[in-house]
């Protein structure tokens, strides 16, 4: 059951990344690749495939890097909360980073449960 929740979270991250790329008019074209890796990791984990551990770790680390870099850029350009939209964007990035950090820690701590 727990691996289904983790895999659903990775699938959600993949869909969020692809949606972000589409909403930007594909200016953020790298997000499609990250979304594809997250989707592959989520689907592989859902189906309990042993190869899923590789995209799982790769997607987790890349998601953290992209999230932190985007938050750093956003705060460097306009600050933390000059208006409501920027504040909500920055808070959502903090949540994006926080949830993925929790998923990575969970996967590392419970690798015997996830990869039997």
PDB file of N, CA and C in Angstrom:
ATOM      1  N   UNK A   1       0.824  -1.202   0.000  1.00  0.00           N
ATOM      2  CA  UNK A   1       0.000   0.000   0.000  1.00  0.00           C
ATOM      3  C   UNK A   1       0.863   1.260   0.000  1.00  0.00           C
ATOM      4  N   UNK A   2       1.943   1.239   0.787  1.00  0.00           N
ATOM      5  CA  UNK A   2       2.783   2.431   0.873  1.00  0.00           C
ATOM      6  C   UNK A   2       3.469   2.722  -0.447  1.00  0.00           C
ATOM      7  N   UNK A   3       3.877   1.671  -1.158  1.00  0.00           N
ATOM      8  CA  UNK A   3       4.527   1.919  -2.444  1.00  0.00           C
ATOM      9  C   UNK A   3       3.553   2.494  -3.463  1.00  0.00           C
ATOM     10  N   UNK A   4       2.251   2.211  -3.303  1.00  0.00           N
ATOM     11  CA  UNK A   4       1.245   2.798  -4.195  1.00  0.00           C
ATOM     12  C   UNK A   4       1.134   4.300  -3.962  1.00  0.00           C
ATOM     13  N   UNK A   5       1.239   4.726  -2.707  1.00  0.00           N
ATOM     14  CA  UNK A   5       1.181   6.156  -2.392  1.00  0.00           C
ATOM     15  C   UNK A   5       2.404   6.868  -2.941  1.00  0.00           C
ATOM     16  N   UNK A   6       3.578   6.272  -2.770  1.00  0.00           N
ATOM     17  CA  UNK A   6       4.812   6.868  -3.285  1.00  0.00           C
ATOM     18  C   UNK A   6       4.766   6.914  -4.807  1.00  0.00           C
ATOM     19  N   UNK A   7       4.307   5.845  -5.440  1.00  0.00           N
ATOM     20  CA  UNK A   7       4.254   5.842  -6.902  1.00  0.00           C
ATOM     21  C   UNK A   7       3.230   6.857  -7.415  1.00  0.00           C
ATOM     22  N   UNK A   8       2.103   6.997  -6.724  1.00  0.00           N
ATOM     23  CA  UNK A   8       1.111   8.006  -7.116  1.00  0.00           C
ATOM     24  C   UNK A   8       1.687   9.409  -6.976  1.00  0.00           C
ATOM     25  N   UNK A   9       2.503   9.626  -5.958  1.00  0.00           N
ATOM     26  CA  UNK A   9       3.138  10.936  -5.785  1.00  0.00           C
ATOM     27  C   UNK A   9       4.111  11.223  -6.920  1.00  0.00           C
ATOM     28  N   UNK A  10       4.882  10.233  -7.332  1.00  0.00           N
ATOM     29  CA  UNK A  10       5.807  10.433  -8.454  1.00  0.00           C
ATOM     30  C   UNK A  10       5.043  10.675  -9.755  1.00  0.00           C
ATOM     31  N   UNK A  11       3.939   9.977  -9.946  1.00  0.00           N
ATOM     32  CA  UNK A  11       3.113  10.210 -11.137  1.00  0.00           C
ATOM     33  C   UNK A  11       2.552  11.631 -11.103  1.00  0.00           C
ATOM     34  N   UNK A  12       2.107  12.074  -9.928  1.00  0.00           N
ATOM     35  CA  UNK A  12       1.603  13.445  -9.795  1.00  0.00           C
ATOM     36  C   UNK A  12       2.696  14.459 -10.108  1.00  0.00           C
ATOM     37  N   UNK A  13       3.918  14.217  -9.627  1.00  0.00           N
ATOM     38  CA  UNK A  13       5.037  15.105  -9.938  1.00  0.00           C
ATOM     39  C   UNK A  13       5.287  15.145 -11.439  1.00  0.00           C
ATOM     40  N   UNK A  14       5.207  14.000 -12.088  1.00  0.00           N
ATOM     41  CA  UNK A  14       5.397  13.962 -13.537  1.00  0.00           C
ATOM     42  C   UNK A  14       4.347  14.785 -14.261  1.00  0.00           C
ATOM     43  N   UNK A  15       3.105  14.666 -13.844  1.00  0.00           N
ATOM     44  CA  UNK A  15       2.028  15.428 -14.468  1.00  0.00           C
ATOM     45  C   UNK A  15       2.174  16.922 -14.197  1.00  0.00           C
ATOM     46  N   UNK A  16       2.594  17.278 -12.989  1.00  0.00           N
ATOM     47  CA  UNK A  16       2.828  18.690 -12.654  1.00  0.00           C
ATOM     48  C   UNK A  16       3.942  19.260 -13.525  1.00  0.00           C
ATOM     49  N   UNK A  17       5.011  18.512 -13.695  1.00  0.00           N
ATOM     50  CA  UNK A  17       6.130  18.991 -14.502  1.00  0.00           C
ATOM     51  C   UNK A  17       5.743  19.180 -15.961  1.00  0.00           C
ATOM     52  N   UNK A  18       4.998  18.234 -16.514  1.00  0.00           N
ATOM     53  CA  UNK A  18       4.551  18.355 -17.900  1.00  0.00           C
ATOM     54  C   UNK A  18       3.575  19.528 -18.038  1.00  0.00           C
ATOM     55  N   UNK A  19       2.679  19.694 -17.069  1.00  0.00           N
ATOM     56  CA  UNK A  19       1.734  20.813 -17.106  1.00  0.00           C
ATOM     57  C   UNK A  19       2.462  22.154 -17.021  1.00  0.00           C
ATOM     58  N   UNK A  20       3.515  22.230 -16.195  1.00  0.00           N
ATOM     59  CA  UNK A  20       4.289  23.472 -16.096  1.00  0.00           C
ATOM     60  C   UNK A  20       4.938  23.806 -17.426  1.00  0.00           C
ATOM     61  N   UNK A  21       5.422  22.808 -18.115  1.00  0.00           N
ATOM     62  CA  UNK A  21       6.039  23.040 -19.418  1.00  0.00           C
ATOM     63  C   UNK A  21       5.003  23.497 -20.444  1.00  0.00           C
ATOM     64  N   UNK A  22       3.847  22.876 -20.441  1.00  0.00           N
ATOM     65  CA  UNK A  22       2.791  23.259 -21.377  1.00  0.00           C
ATOM     66  C   UNK A  22       2.310  24.682 -21.095  1.00  0.00           C
ATOM     67  N   UNK A  23       2.111  25.022 -19.816  1.00  0.00           N
ATOM     68  CA  UNK A  23       1.632  26.363 -19.464  1.00  0.00           C
ATOM     69  C   UNK A  23       2.650  27.442 -19.799  1.00  0.00           C
ATOM     70  N   UNK A  24       3.925  27.087 -19.854  1.00  0.00           N
ATOM     71  CA  UNK A  24       4.948  28.079 -20.197  1.00  0.00           C
ATOM     72  C   UNK A  24       5.110  28.220 -21.706  1.00  0.00           C
ATOM     73  N   UNK A  25       4.319  27.489 -22.467  1.00  0.00           N
ATOM     74  CA  UNK A  25       4.472  27.519 -23.915  1.00  0.00           C
ATOM     75  C   UNK A  25       5.723  26.772 -24.359  1.00  0.00           C
ATOM     76  N   UNK A  26       6.101  25.777 -23.589  1.00  0.00           N
ATOM     77  CA  UNK A  26       7.287  24.941 -23.813  1.00  0.00           C
ATOM     78  C   UNK A  26       8.593  25.726 -23.728  1.00  0.00           C
ATOM     79  N   UNK A  27       8.552  26.878 -23.038  1.00  0.00           N
ATOM     80  CA  UNK A  27       9.796  27.587 -22.719  1.00  0.00           C
ATOM     81  C   UNK A  27      10.588  26.743 -21.720  1.00  0.00           C
ATOM     82  N   UNK A  28       9.877  26.103 -20.824  1.00  0.00           N
ATOM     83  CA  UNK A  28      10.497  25.197 -19.847  1.00  0.00           C
ATOM     84  C   UNK A  28      10.496  23.780 -20.419  1.00  0.00           C
ATOM     85  N   UNK A  29      11.132  23.610 -21.553  1.00  0.00           N
ATOM     86  CA  UNK A  29      11.095  22.329 -22.257  1.00  0.00           C
ATOM     87  C   UNK A  29      11.755  21.211 -21.455  1.00  0.00           C
ATOM     88  N   UNK A  30      12.693  21.549 -20.578  1.00  0.00           N
ATOM     89  CA  UNK A  30      13.355  20.526 -19.767  1.00  0.00           C
ATOM     90  C   UNK A  30      12.396  19.874 -18.779  1.00  0.00           C
ATOM     91  N   UNK A  31      11.299  20.555 -18.465  1.00  0.00           N
ATOM     92  CA  UNK A  31      10.328  19.994 -17.532  1.00  0.00           C
ATOM     93  C   UNK A  31       9.598  18.795 -18.133  1.00  0.00           C
ATOM     94  N   UNK A  32       9.499  18.735 -19.452  1.00  0.00           N
ATOM     95  CA  UNK A  32       8.879  17.563 -20.090  1.00  0.00           C
ATOM     96  C   UNK A  32       9.737  16.331 -19.830  1.00  0.00           C
ATOM     97  N   UNK A  33      11.059  16.481 -19.961  1.00  0.00           N
ATOM     98  CA  UNK A  33      11.963  15.359 -19.684  1.00  0.00           C
ATOM     99  C   UNK A  33      11.895  14.921 -18.241  1.00  0.00           C
ATOM    100  N   UNK A  34      11.885  15.907 -17.335  1.00  0.00           N
ATOM    101  CA  UNK A  34      11.780  15.583 -15.910  1.00  0.00           C
ATOM    102  C   UNK A  34      10.447  14.912 -15.612  1.00  0.00           C
ATOM    103  N   UNK A  35       9.387  15.399 -16.230  1.00  0.00           N
ATOM    104  CA  UNK A  35       8.079  14.782 -16.049  1.00  0.00           C
ATOM    105  C   UNK A  35       8.040  13.351 -16.550  1.00  0.00           C
ATOM    106  N   UNK A  36       8.704  13.109 -17.676  1.00  0.00           N
ATOM    107  CA  UNK A  36       8.745  11.745 -18.229  1.00  0.00           C
ATOM    108  C   UNK A  36       9.497  10.803 -17.295  1.00  0.00           C
ATOM    109  N   UNK A  37      10.594  11.281 -16.717  1.00  0.00           N
ATOM    110  CA  UNK A  37      11.357  10.443 -15.782  1.00  0.00           C
ATOM    111  C   UNK A  37      10.521  10.166 -14.531  1.00  0.00           C
ATOM    112  N   UNK A  38       9.822  11.185 -14.029  1.00  0.00           N
ATOM    113  CA  UNK A  38       8.956  10.979 -12.856  1.00  0.00           C
ATOM    114  C   UNK A  38       7.827  10.004 -13.168  1.00  0.00           C
ATOM    115  N   UNK A  39       7.235  10.145 -14.337  1.00  0.00           N
ATOM    116  CA  UNK A  39       6.170   9.211 -14.722  1.00  0.00           C
ATOM    117  C   UNK A  39       6.693   7.791 -14.852  1.00  0.00           C
ATOM    118  N   UNK A  40       7.874   7.630 -15.452  1.00  0.00           N
ATOM    119  CA  UNK A  40       8.459   6.290 -15.578  1.00  0.00           C
ATOM    120  C   UNK A  40       8.739   5.694 -14.203  1.00  0.00           C
ATOM    121  N   UNK A  41       9.254   6.507 -13.292  1.00  0.00           N
ATOM    122  CA  UNK A  41       9.536   6.023 -11.939  1.00  0.00           C
ATOM    123  C   UNK A  41       8.249   5.622 -11.225  1.00  0.00           C
ATOM    124  N   UNK A  42       7.221   6.452 -11.343  1.00  0.00           N
ATOM    125  CA  UNK A  42       5.956   6.154 -10.687  1.00  0.00           C
ATOM    126  C   UNK A  42       5.277   4.917 -11.227  1.00  0.00           C
ATOM    127  N   UNK A  43       5.257   4.790 -12.544  1.00  0.00           N
ATOM    128  CA  UNK A  43       4.625   3.618 -13.162  1.00  0.00           C
ATOM    129  C   UNK A  43       5.427   2.351 -12.863  1.00  0.00           C
ATOM    130  N   UNK A  44       6.753   2.454 -12.925  1.00  0.00           N
ATOM    131  CA  UNK A  44       7.593   1.290 -12.614  1.00  0.00           C
ATOM    132  C   UNK A  44       7.430   0.832 -11.184  1.00  0.00           C
ATOM    133  N   UNK A  45       7.325   1.791 -10.268  1.00  0.00           N
ATOM    134  CA  UNK A  45       7.116   1.436  -8.865  1.00  0.00           C
ATOM    135  C   UNK A  45       5.722   0.849  -8.658  1.00  0.00           C
ATOM    136  N   UNK A  46       4.736   1.418  -9.326  1.00  0.00           N
ATOM    137  CA  UNK A  46       3.359   0.903  -9.226  1.00  0.00           C
ATOM    138  C   UNK A  46       3.299  -0.558  -9.669  1.00  0.00           C
ATOM    139  N   UNK A  47       4.029  -0.877 -10.747  1.00  0.00           N
ATOM    140  CA  UNK A  47       4.036  -2.233 -11.285  1.00  0.00           C
ATOM    141  C   UNK A  47       5.081  -3.118 -10.609  1.00  0.00           C
ATOM    142  N   UNK A  48       5.790  -2.572  -9.621  1.00  0.00           N
ATOM    143  CA  UNK A  48       6.806  -3.288  -8.844  1.00  0.00           C
ATOM    144  C   UNK A  48       7.922  -3.847  -9.728  1.00  0.00           C
ATOM    145  N   UNK A  49       8.381  -3.030 -10.646  1.00  0.00           N
ATOM    146  CA  UNK A  49       9.482  -3.416 -11.519  1.00  0.00           C
ATOM    147  C   UNK A  49      10.810  -3.085 -10.837  1.00  0.00           C
ATOM    148  N   UNK A  50      11.786  -3.971 -10.888  1.00  0.00           N
ATOM    149  CA  UNK A  50      13.061  -3.714 -10.214  1.00  0.00           C
ATOM    150  C   UNK A  50      13.851  -2.559 -10.829  1.00  0.00           C
ATOM    151  N   UNK A  51      13.631  -2.255 -12.107  1.00  0.00           N
ATOM    152  CA  UNK A  51      14.351  -1.158 -12.741  1.00  0.00           C
ATOM    153  C   UNK A  51      13.873   0.210 -12.278  1.00  0.00           C
ATOM    154  N   UNK A  52      12.747   0.264 -11.568  1.00  0.00           N
ATOM    155  CA  UNK A  52      12.175   1.558 -11.178  1.00  0.00           C
ATOM    156  C   UNK A  52      13.030   2.305 -10.170  1.00  0.00           C
ATOM    157  N   UNK A  53      13.934   1.611  -9.480  1.00  0.00           N
ATOM    158  CA  UNK A  53      14.764   2.308  -8.490  1.00  0.00           C
ATOM    159  C   UNK A  53      15.692   3.328  -9.134  1.00  0.00           C
ATOM    160  N   UNK A  54      16.091   3.100 -10.390  1.00  0.00           N
ATOM    161  CA  UNK A  54      17.007   4.040 -11.047  1.00  0.00           C
ATOM    162  C   UNK A  54      16.318   5.351 -11.413  1.00  0.00           C
ATOM    163  N   UNK A  55      15.178   5.320 -12.129  1.00  0.00           N
ATOM    164  CA  UNK A  55      14.524   6.611 -12.383  1.00  0.00           C
ATOM    165  C   UNK A  55      13.961   7.239 -11.113  1.00  0.00           C
ATOM    166  N   UNK A  56      13.679   6.411 -10.100  1.00  0.00           N
ATOM    167  CA  UNK A  56      13.170   6.933  -8.838  1.00  0.00           C
ATOM    168  C   UNK A  56      14.184   7.875  -8.192  1.00  0.00           C
ATOM    169  N   UNK A  57      15.424   7.427  -8.085  1.00  0.00           N
ATOM    170  CA  UNK A  57      16.464   8.266  -7.505  1.00  0.00           C
ATOM    171  C   UNK A  57      16.816   9.440  -8.393  1.00  0.00           C
ATOM    172  N   UNK A  58      16.906   9.196  -9.694  1.00  0.00           N
ATOM    173  CA  UNK A  58      17.255  10.248 -10.646  1.00  0.00           C
ATOM    174  C   UNK A  58      16.185  11.336 -10.658  1.00  0.00           C
ATOM    175  N   UNK A  59      14.922  10.946 -10.699  1.00  0.00           N
ATOM    176  CA  UNK A  59      13.826  11.917 -10.718  1.00  0.00           C
ATOM    177  C   UNK A  59      13.763  12.702  -9.419  1.00  0.00           C
ATOM    178  N   UNK A  60      13.994  12.023  -8.305  1.00  0.00           N
ATOM    179  CA  UNK A  60      13.962  12.717  -7.023  1.00  0.00           C
ATOM    180  C   UNK A  60      15.028  13.794  -6.920  1.00  0.00           C
ATOM    181  N   UNK A  61      16.239  13.452  -7.285  1.00  0.00           N
ATOM    182  CA  UNK A  61      17.328  14.433  -7.207  1.00  0.00           C
ATOM    183  C   UNK A  61      17.141  15.566  -8.209  1.00  0.00           C
ATOM    184  N   UNK A  62      16.728  15.243  -9.428  1.00  0.00           N
ATOM    185  CA  UNK A  62      16.500  16.302 -10.409  1.00  0.00           C
ATOM    186  C   UNK A  62      15.357  17.220 -10.005  1.00  0.00           C
ATOM    187  N   UNK A  63      14.312  16.668  -9.423  1.00  0.00           N
ATOM    188  CA  UNK A  63      13.195  17.482  -8.966  1.00  0.00           C
ATOM    189  C   UNK A  63      13.649  18.451  -7.880  1.00  0.00           C
ATOM    190  N   UNK A  64      14.482  17.977  -6.973  1.00  0.00           N
ATOM    191  CA  UNK A  64      15.003  18.872  -5.939  1.00  0.00           C
ATOM    192  C   UNK A  64      15.849  19.984  -6.549  1.00  0.00           C
ATOM    193  N   UNK A  65      16.708  19.640  -7.482  1.00  0.00           N
ATOM    194  CA  UNK A  65      17.565  20.646  -8.113  1.00  0.00           C
ATOM    195  C   UNK A  65      16.727  21.693  -8.849  1.00  0.00           C
ATOM    196  N   UNK A  66      15.756  21.250  -9.634  1.00  0.00           N
ATOM    197  CA  UNK A  66      14.905  22.184 -10.375  1.00  0.00           C
ATOM    198  C   UNK A  66      14.084  23.046  -9.416  1.00  0.00           C
ATOM    199  N   UNK A  67      13.535  22.455  -8.384  1.00  0.00           N
ATOM    200  CA  UNK A  67      12.742  23.213  -7.418  1.00  0.00           C
ATOM    201  C   UNK A  67      13.562  24.263  -6.690  1.00  0.00           C
ATOM    202  N   UNK A  68      14.739  23.894  -6.224  1.00  0.00           N
ATOM    203  CA  UNK A  68      15.593  24.833  -5.498  1.00  0.00           C
ATOM    204  C   UNK A  68      16.090  25.936  -6.438  1.00  0.00           C
ATOM    205  N   UNK A  69      16.475  25.572  -7.651  1.00  0.00           N
ATOM    206  CA  UNK A  69      16.957  26.580  -8.605  1.00  0.00           C
ATOM    207  C   UNK A  69      15.841  27.560  -8.975  1.00  0.00           C
ATOM    208  N   UNK A  70      14.637  27.067  -9.151  1.00  0.00           N
ATOM    209  CA  UNK A  70      13.516  27.942  -9.483  1.00  0.00           C
ATOM    210  C   UNK A  70      13.186  28.859  -8.321  1.00  0.00           C
ATOM    211  N   UNK A  71      13.181  28.332  -7.107  1.00  0.00           N
ATOM    212  CA  UNK A  71      12.924  29.159  -5.926  1.00  0.00           C
ATOM    213  C   UNK A  71      14.009  30.212  -5.756  1.00  0.00           C
ATOM    214  N   UNK A  72      15.260  29.831  -5.940  1.00  0.00           N
ATOM    215  CA  UNK A  72      16.375  30.772  -5.830  1.00  0.00           C
ATOM    216  C   UNK A  72      16.247  31.888  -6.871  1.00  0.00           C
ATOM    217  N   UNK A  73      15.908  31.514  -8.101  1.00  0.00           N
ATOM    218  CA  UNK A  73      15.745  32.515  -9.160  1.00  0.00           C
ATOM    219  C   UNK A  73      14.574  33.443  -8.861  1.00  0.00           C
ATOM    220  N   UNK A  74      13.478  32.868  -8.419  1.00  0.00           N
ATOM    221  CA  UNK A  74      12.304  33.673  -8.120  1.00  0.00           C
ATOM    222  C   UNK A  74      12.576  34.669  -6.998  1.00  0.00           C
ATOM    223  N   UNK A  75      13.218  34.199  -5.966  1.00  0.00           N
ATOM    224  CA  UNK A  75      13.498  35.094  -4.834  1.00  0.00           C
ATOM    225  C   UNK A  75      14.565  36.119  -5.200  1.00  0.00           C
ATOM    226  N   UNK A  76      15.487  35.751  -6.072  1.00  0.00           N
ATOM    227  CA  UNK A  76      16.505  36.699  -6.495  1.00  0.00           C
ATOM    228  C   UNK A  76      15.958  37.788  -7.397  1.00  0.00           C
ATOM    229  N   UNK A  77      14.962  37.460  -8.203  1.00  0.00           N
ATOM    230  CA  UNK A  77      14.408  38.427  -9.145  1.00  0.00           C
ATOM    231  C   UNK A  77      13.412  39.384  -8.495  1.00  0.00           C
ATOM    232  N   UNK A  78      12.503  38.843  -7.700  1.00  0.00           N
ATOM    233  CA  UNK A  78      11.419  39.690  -7.182  1.00  0.00           C
ATOM    234  C   UNK A  78      11.273  39.645  -5.660  1.00  0.00           C
ATOM    235  N   UNK A  79      12.079  38.895  -4.969  1.00  0.00           N
ATOM    236  CA  UNK A  79      11.934  38.797  -3.519  1.00  0.00           C
ATOM    237  C   UNK A  79      10.933  37.727  -3.132  1.00  0.00           C
ATOM    238  N   UNK A  80      10.678  37.595  -1.839  1.00  0.00           N
ATOM    239  CA  UNK A  80       9.812  36.513  -1.379  1.00  0.00           C
ATOM    240  C   UNK A  80       8.339  36.831  -1.571  1.00  0.00           C
ATOM    241  N   UNK A  81       7.904  38.026  -1.218  1.00  0.00           N
ATOM    242  CA  UNK A  81       6.467  38.302  -1.302  1.00  0.00           C
ATOM    243  C   UNK A  81       6.137  39.733  -1.729  1.00  0.00           C
ATOM    244  N   UNK A  82       6.528  40.156  -2.922  1.00  0.00           N
ATOM    245  CA  UNK A  82       6.136  41.495  -3.344  1.00  0.00           C
ATOM    246  C   UNK A  82       4.644  41.608  -3.678  1.00  0.00           C
ATOM    247  N   UNK A  83       4.012  40.492  -4.049  1.00  0.00           N
ATOM    248  CA  UNK A  83       2.561  40.465  -4.248  1.00  0.00           C
ATOM    249  C   UNK A  83       2.050  39.058  -3.965  1.00  0.00           C
ATOM    250  N   UNK A  84       0.755  38.908  -4.004  1.00  0.00           N
ATOM    251  CA  UNK A  84       0.139  37.642  -3.601  1.00  0.00           C
ATOM    252  C   UNK A  84       0.525  36.501  -4.544  1.00  0.00           C
ATOM    253  N   UNK A  85       0.564  36.761  -5.855  1.00  0.00           N
ATOM    254  CA  UNK A  85       0.880  35.691  -6.800  1.00  0.00           C
ATOM    255  C   UNK A  85       2.300  35.159  -6.591  1.00  0.00           C
ATOM    256  N   UNK A  86       3.237  36.069  -6.387  1.00  0.00           N
ATOM    257  CA  UNK A  86       4.625  35.638  -6.175  1.00  0.00           C
ATOM    258  C   UNK A  86       4.753  34.901  -4.852  1.00  0.00           C
ATOM    259  N   UNK A  87       4.069  35.378  -3.826  1.00  0.00           N
ATOM    260  CA  UNK A  87       4.087  34.692  -2.536  1.00  0.00           C
ATOM    261  C   UNK A  87       3.531  33.281  -2.666  1.00  0.00           C
ATOM    262  N   UNK A  88       2.404  33.125  -3.347  1.00  0.00           N
ATOM    263  CA  UNK A  88       1.822  31.793  -3.525  1.00  0.00           C
ATOM    264  C   UNK A  88       2.719  30.894  -4.371  1.00  0.00           C
ATOM    265  N   UNK A  89       3.353  31.464  -5.401  1.00  0.00           N
ATOM    266  CA  UNK A  89       4.276  30.695  -6.232  1.00  0.00           C
ATOM    267  C   UNK A  89       5.446  30.189  -5.405  1.00  0.00           C
ATOM    268  N   UNK A  90       6.044  31.077  -4.604  1.00  0.00           N
ATOM    269  CA  UNK A  90       7.185  30.680  -3.777  1.00  0.00           C
ATOM    270  C   UNK A  90       6.791  29.664  -2.711  1.00  0.00           C
ATOM    271  N   UNK A  91       5.627  29.841  -2.115  1.00  0.00           N
ATOM    272  CA  UNK A  91       5.165  28.868  -1.121  1.00  0.00           C
ATOM    273  C   UNK A  91       4.881  27.514  -1.769  1.00  0.00           C
ATOM    274  N   UNK A  92       4.335  27.527  -2.993  1.00  0.00           N
ATOM    275  CA  UNK A  92       4.091  26.247  -3.668  1.00  0.00           C
ATOM    276  C   UNK A  92       5.412  25.568  -4.029  1.00  0.00           C
ATOM    277  N   UNK A  93       6.436  26.349  -4.384  1.00  0.00           N
ATOM    278  CA  UNK A  93       7.746  25.757  -4.642  1.00  0.00           C
ATOM    279  C   UNK A  93       8.341  25.146  -3.377  1.00  0.00           C
ATOM    280  N   UNK A  94       8.141  25.811  -2.248  1.00  0.00           N
ATOM    281  CA  UNK A  94       8.625  25.255  -0.979  1.00  0.00           C
ATOM    282  C   UNK A  94       7.914  23.938  -0.683  1.00  0.00           C
ATOM    283  N   UNK A  95       6.610  23.872  -0.945  1.00  0.00           N
ATOM    284  CA  UNK A  95       5.879  22.621  -0.774  1.00  0.00           C
ATOM    285  C   UNK A  95       6.343  21.550  -1.736  1.00  0.00           C
ATOM    286  N   UNK A  96       6.601  21.924  -2.985  1.00  0.00           N
ATOM    287  CA  UNK A  96       7.106  21.019  -4.023  1.00  0.00           C
ATOM    288  C   UNK A  96       8.426  20.399  -3.578  1.00  0.00           C
ATOM    289  N   UNK A  97       9.315  21.237  -3.057  1.00  0.00           N
ATOM    290  CA  UNK A  97      10.614  20.767  -2.577  1.00  0.00           C
ATOM    291  C   UNK A  97      10.449  19.909  -1.327  1.00  0.00           C
ATOM    292  N   UNK A  98       9.594  20.343  -0.420  1.00  0.00           N
ATOM    293  CA  UNK A  98       9.407  19.623   0.841  1.00  0.00           C
ATOM    294  C   UNK A  98       8.828  18.236   0.665  1.00  0.00           C
ATOM    295  N   UNK A  99       7.821  18.115  -0.183  1.00  0.00           N
ATOM    296  CA  UNK A  99       7.206  16.800  -0.401  1.00  0.00           C
ATOM    297  C   UNK A  99       8.190  15.857  -1.080  1.00  0.00           C
ATOM    298  N   UNK A 100       8.931  16.351  -2.083  1.00  0.00           N
ATOM    299  CA  UNK A 100       9.902  15.482  -2.742  1.00  0.00           C
ATOM    300  C   UNK A 100      11.017  15.083  -1.781  1.00  0.00           C
ATOM    301  N   UNK A 101      11.438  15.993  -0.908  1.00  0.00           N
ATOM    302  CA  UNK A 101      12.454  15.642   0.090  1.00  0.00           C
ATOM    303  C   UNK A 101      11.948  14.522   0.993  1.00  0.00           C
ATOM    304  N   UNK A 102      10.686  14.630   1.412  1.00  0.00           N
ATOM    305  CA  UNK A 102      10.095  13.578   2.226  1.00  0.00           C
ATOM    306  C   UNK A 102      10.004  12.254   1.499  1.00  0.00           C
ATOM    307  N   UNK A 103       9.656  12.293   0.206  1.00  0.00           N
ATOM    308  CA  UNK A 103       9.599  11.061  -0.580  1.00  0.00           C
ATOM    309  C   UNK A 103      10.969  10.410  -0.706  1.00  0.00           C
ATOM    310  N   UNK A 104      11.998  11.221  -0.936  1.00  0.00           N
ATOM    311  CA  UNK A 104      13.350  10.674  -1.055  1.00  0.00           C
ATOM    312  C   UNK A 104      13.788  10.028   0.247  1.00  0.00           C
ATOM    313  N   UNK A 105      13.543  10.703   1.365  1.00  0.00           N
ATOM    314  CA  UNK A 105      13.914  10.142   2.672  1.00  0.00           C
ATOM    315  C   UNK A 105      13.148   8.850   2.919  1.00  0.00           C
ATOM    316  N   UNK A 106      11.859   8.824   2.576  1.00  0.00           N
ATOM    317  CA  UNK A 106      11.062   7.617   2.777  1.00  0.00           C
ATOM    318  C   UNK A 106      11.590   6.455   1.939  1.00  0.00           C
ATOM    319  N   UNK A 107      11.902   6.734   0.677  1.00  0.00           N
ATOM    320  CA  UNK A 107      12.390   5.667  -0.210  1.00  0.00           C
ATOM    321  C   UNK A 107      13.724   5.126   0.299  1.00  0.00           C
ATOM    322  N   UNK A 108      14.614   6.018   0.732  1.00  0.00           N
ATOM    323  CA  UNK A 108      15.909   5.573   1.247  1.00  0.00           C
ATOM    324  C   UNK A 108      15.730   4.770   2.534  1.00  0.00           C
ATOM    325  N   UNK A 109      14.857   5.229   3.419  1.00  0.00           N
ATOM    326  CA  UNK A 109      14.672   4.558   4.700  1.00  0.00           C
ATOM    327  C   UNK A 109      13.961   3.219   4.557  1.00  0.00           C
ATOM    328  N   UNK A 110      13.112   3.080   3.536  1.00  0.00           N
ATOM    329  CA  UNK A 110      12.294   1.868   3.386  1.00  0.00           C
ATOM    330  C   UNK A 110      12.590   1.131   2.087  1.00  0.00           C
ATOM    331  N   UNK A 111      13.831   1.115   1.673  1.00  0.00           N
ATOM    332  CA  UNK A 111      14.138   0.475   0.398  1.00  0.00           C
ATOM    333  C   UNK A 111      13.845  -1.013   0.404  1.00  0.00           C
ATOM    334  N   UNK A 112      13.900  -1.652   1.565  1.00  0.00           N
ATOM    335  CA  UNK A 112      13.592  -3.076   1.602  1.00  0.00           C
ATOM    336  C   UNK A 112      12.107  -3.324   1.396  1.00  0.00           C
ATOM    337  N   UNK A 113      11.267  -2.370   1.799  1.00  0.00           N
ATOM    338  CA  UNK A 113       9.824  -2.502   1.597  1.00  0.00           C
ATOM    339  C   UNK A 113       9.479  -2.244   0.137  1.00  0.00           C
ATOM    340  N   UNK A 114      10.139  -1.265  -0.480  1.00  0.00           N
ATOM    341  CA  UNK A 114       9.795  -0.864  -1.833  1.00  0.00           C
ATOM    342  C   UNK A 114      10.358  -1.784  -2.899  1.00  0.00           C
ATOM    343  N   UNK A 115      11.506  -2.411  -2.629  1.00  0.00           N
ATOM    344  CA  UNK A 115      12.168  -3.184  -3.665  1.00  0.00           C
ATOM    345  C   UNK A 115      12.427  -4.608  -3.194  1.00  0.00           C
ATOM    346  N   UNK A 116      11.395  -5.393  -3.149  1.00  0.00           N
ATOM    347  CA  UNK A 116      11.522  -6.789  -2.714  1.00  0.00           C
ATOM    348  C   UNK A 116      11.965  -7.653  -3.848  1.00  0.00           C
TER     349      UNK A 116
END
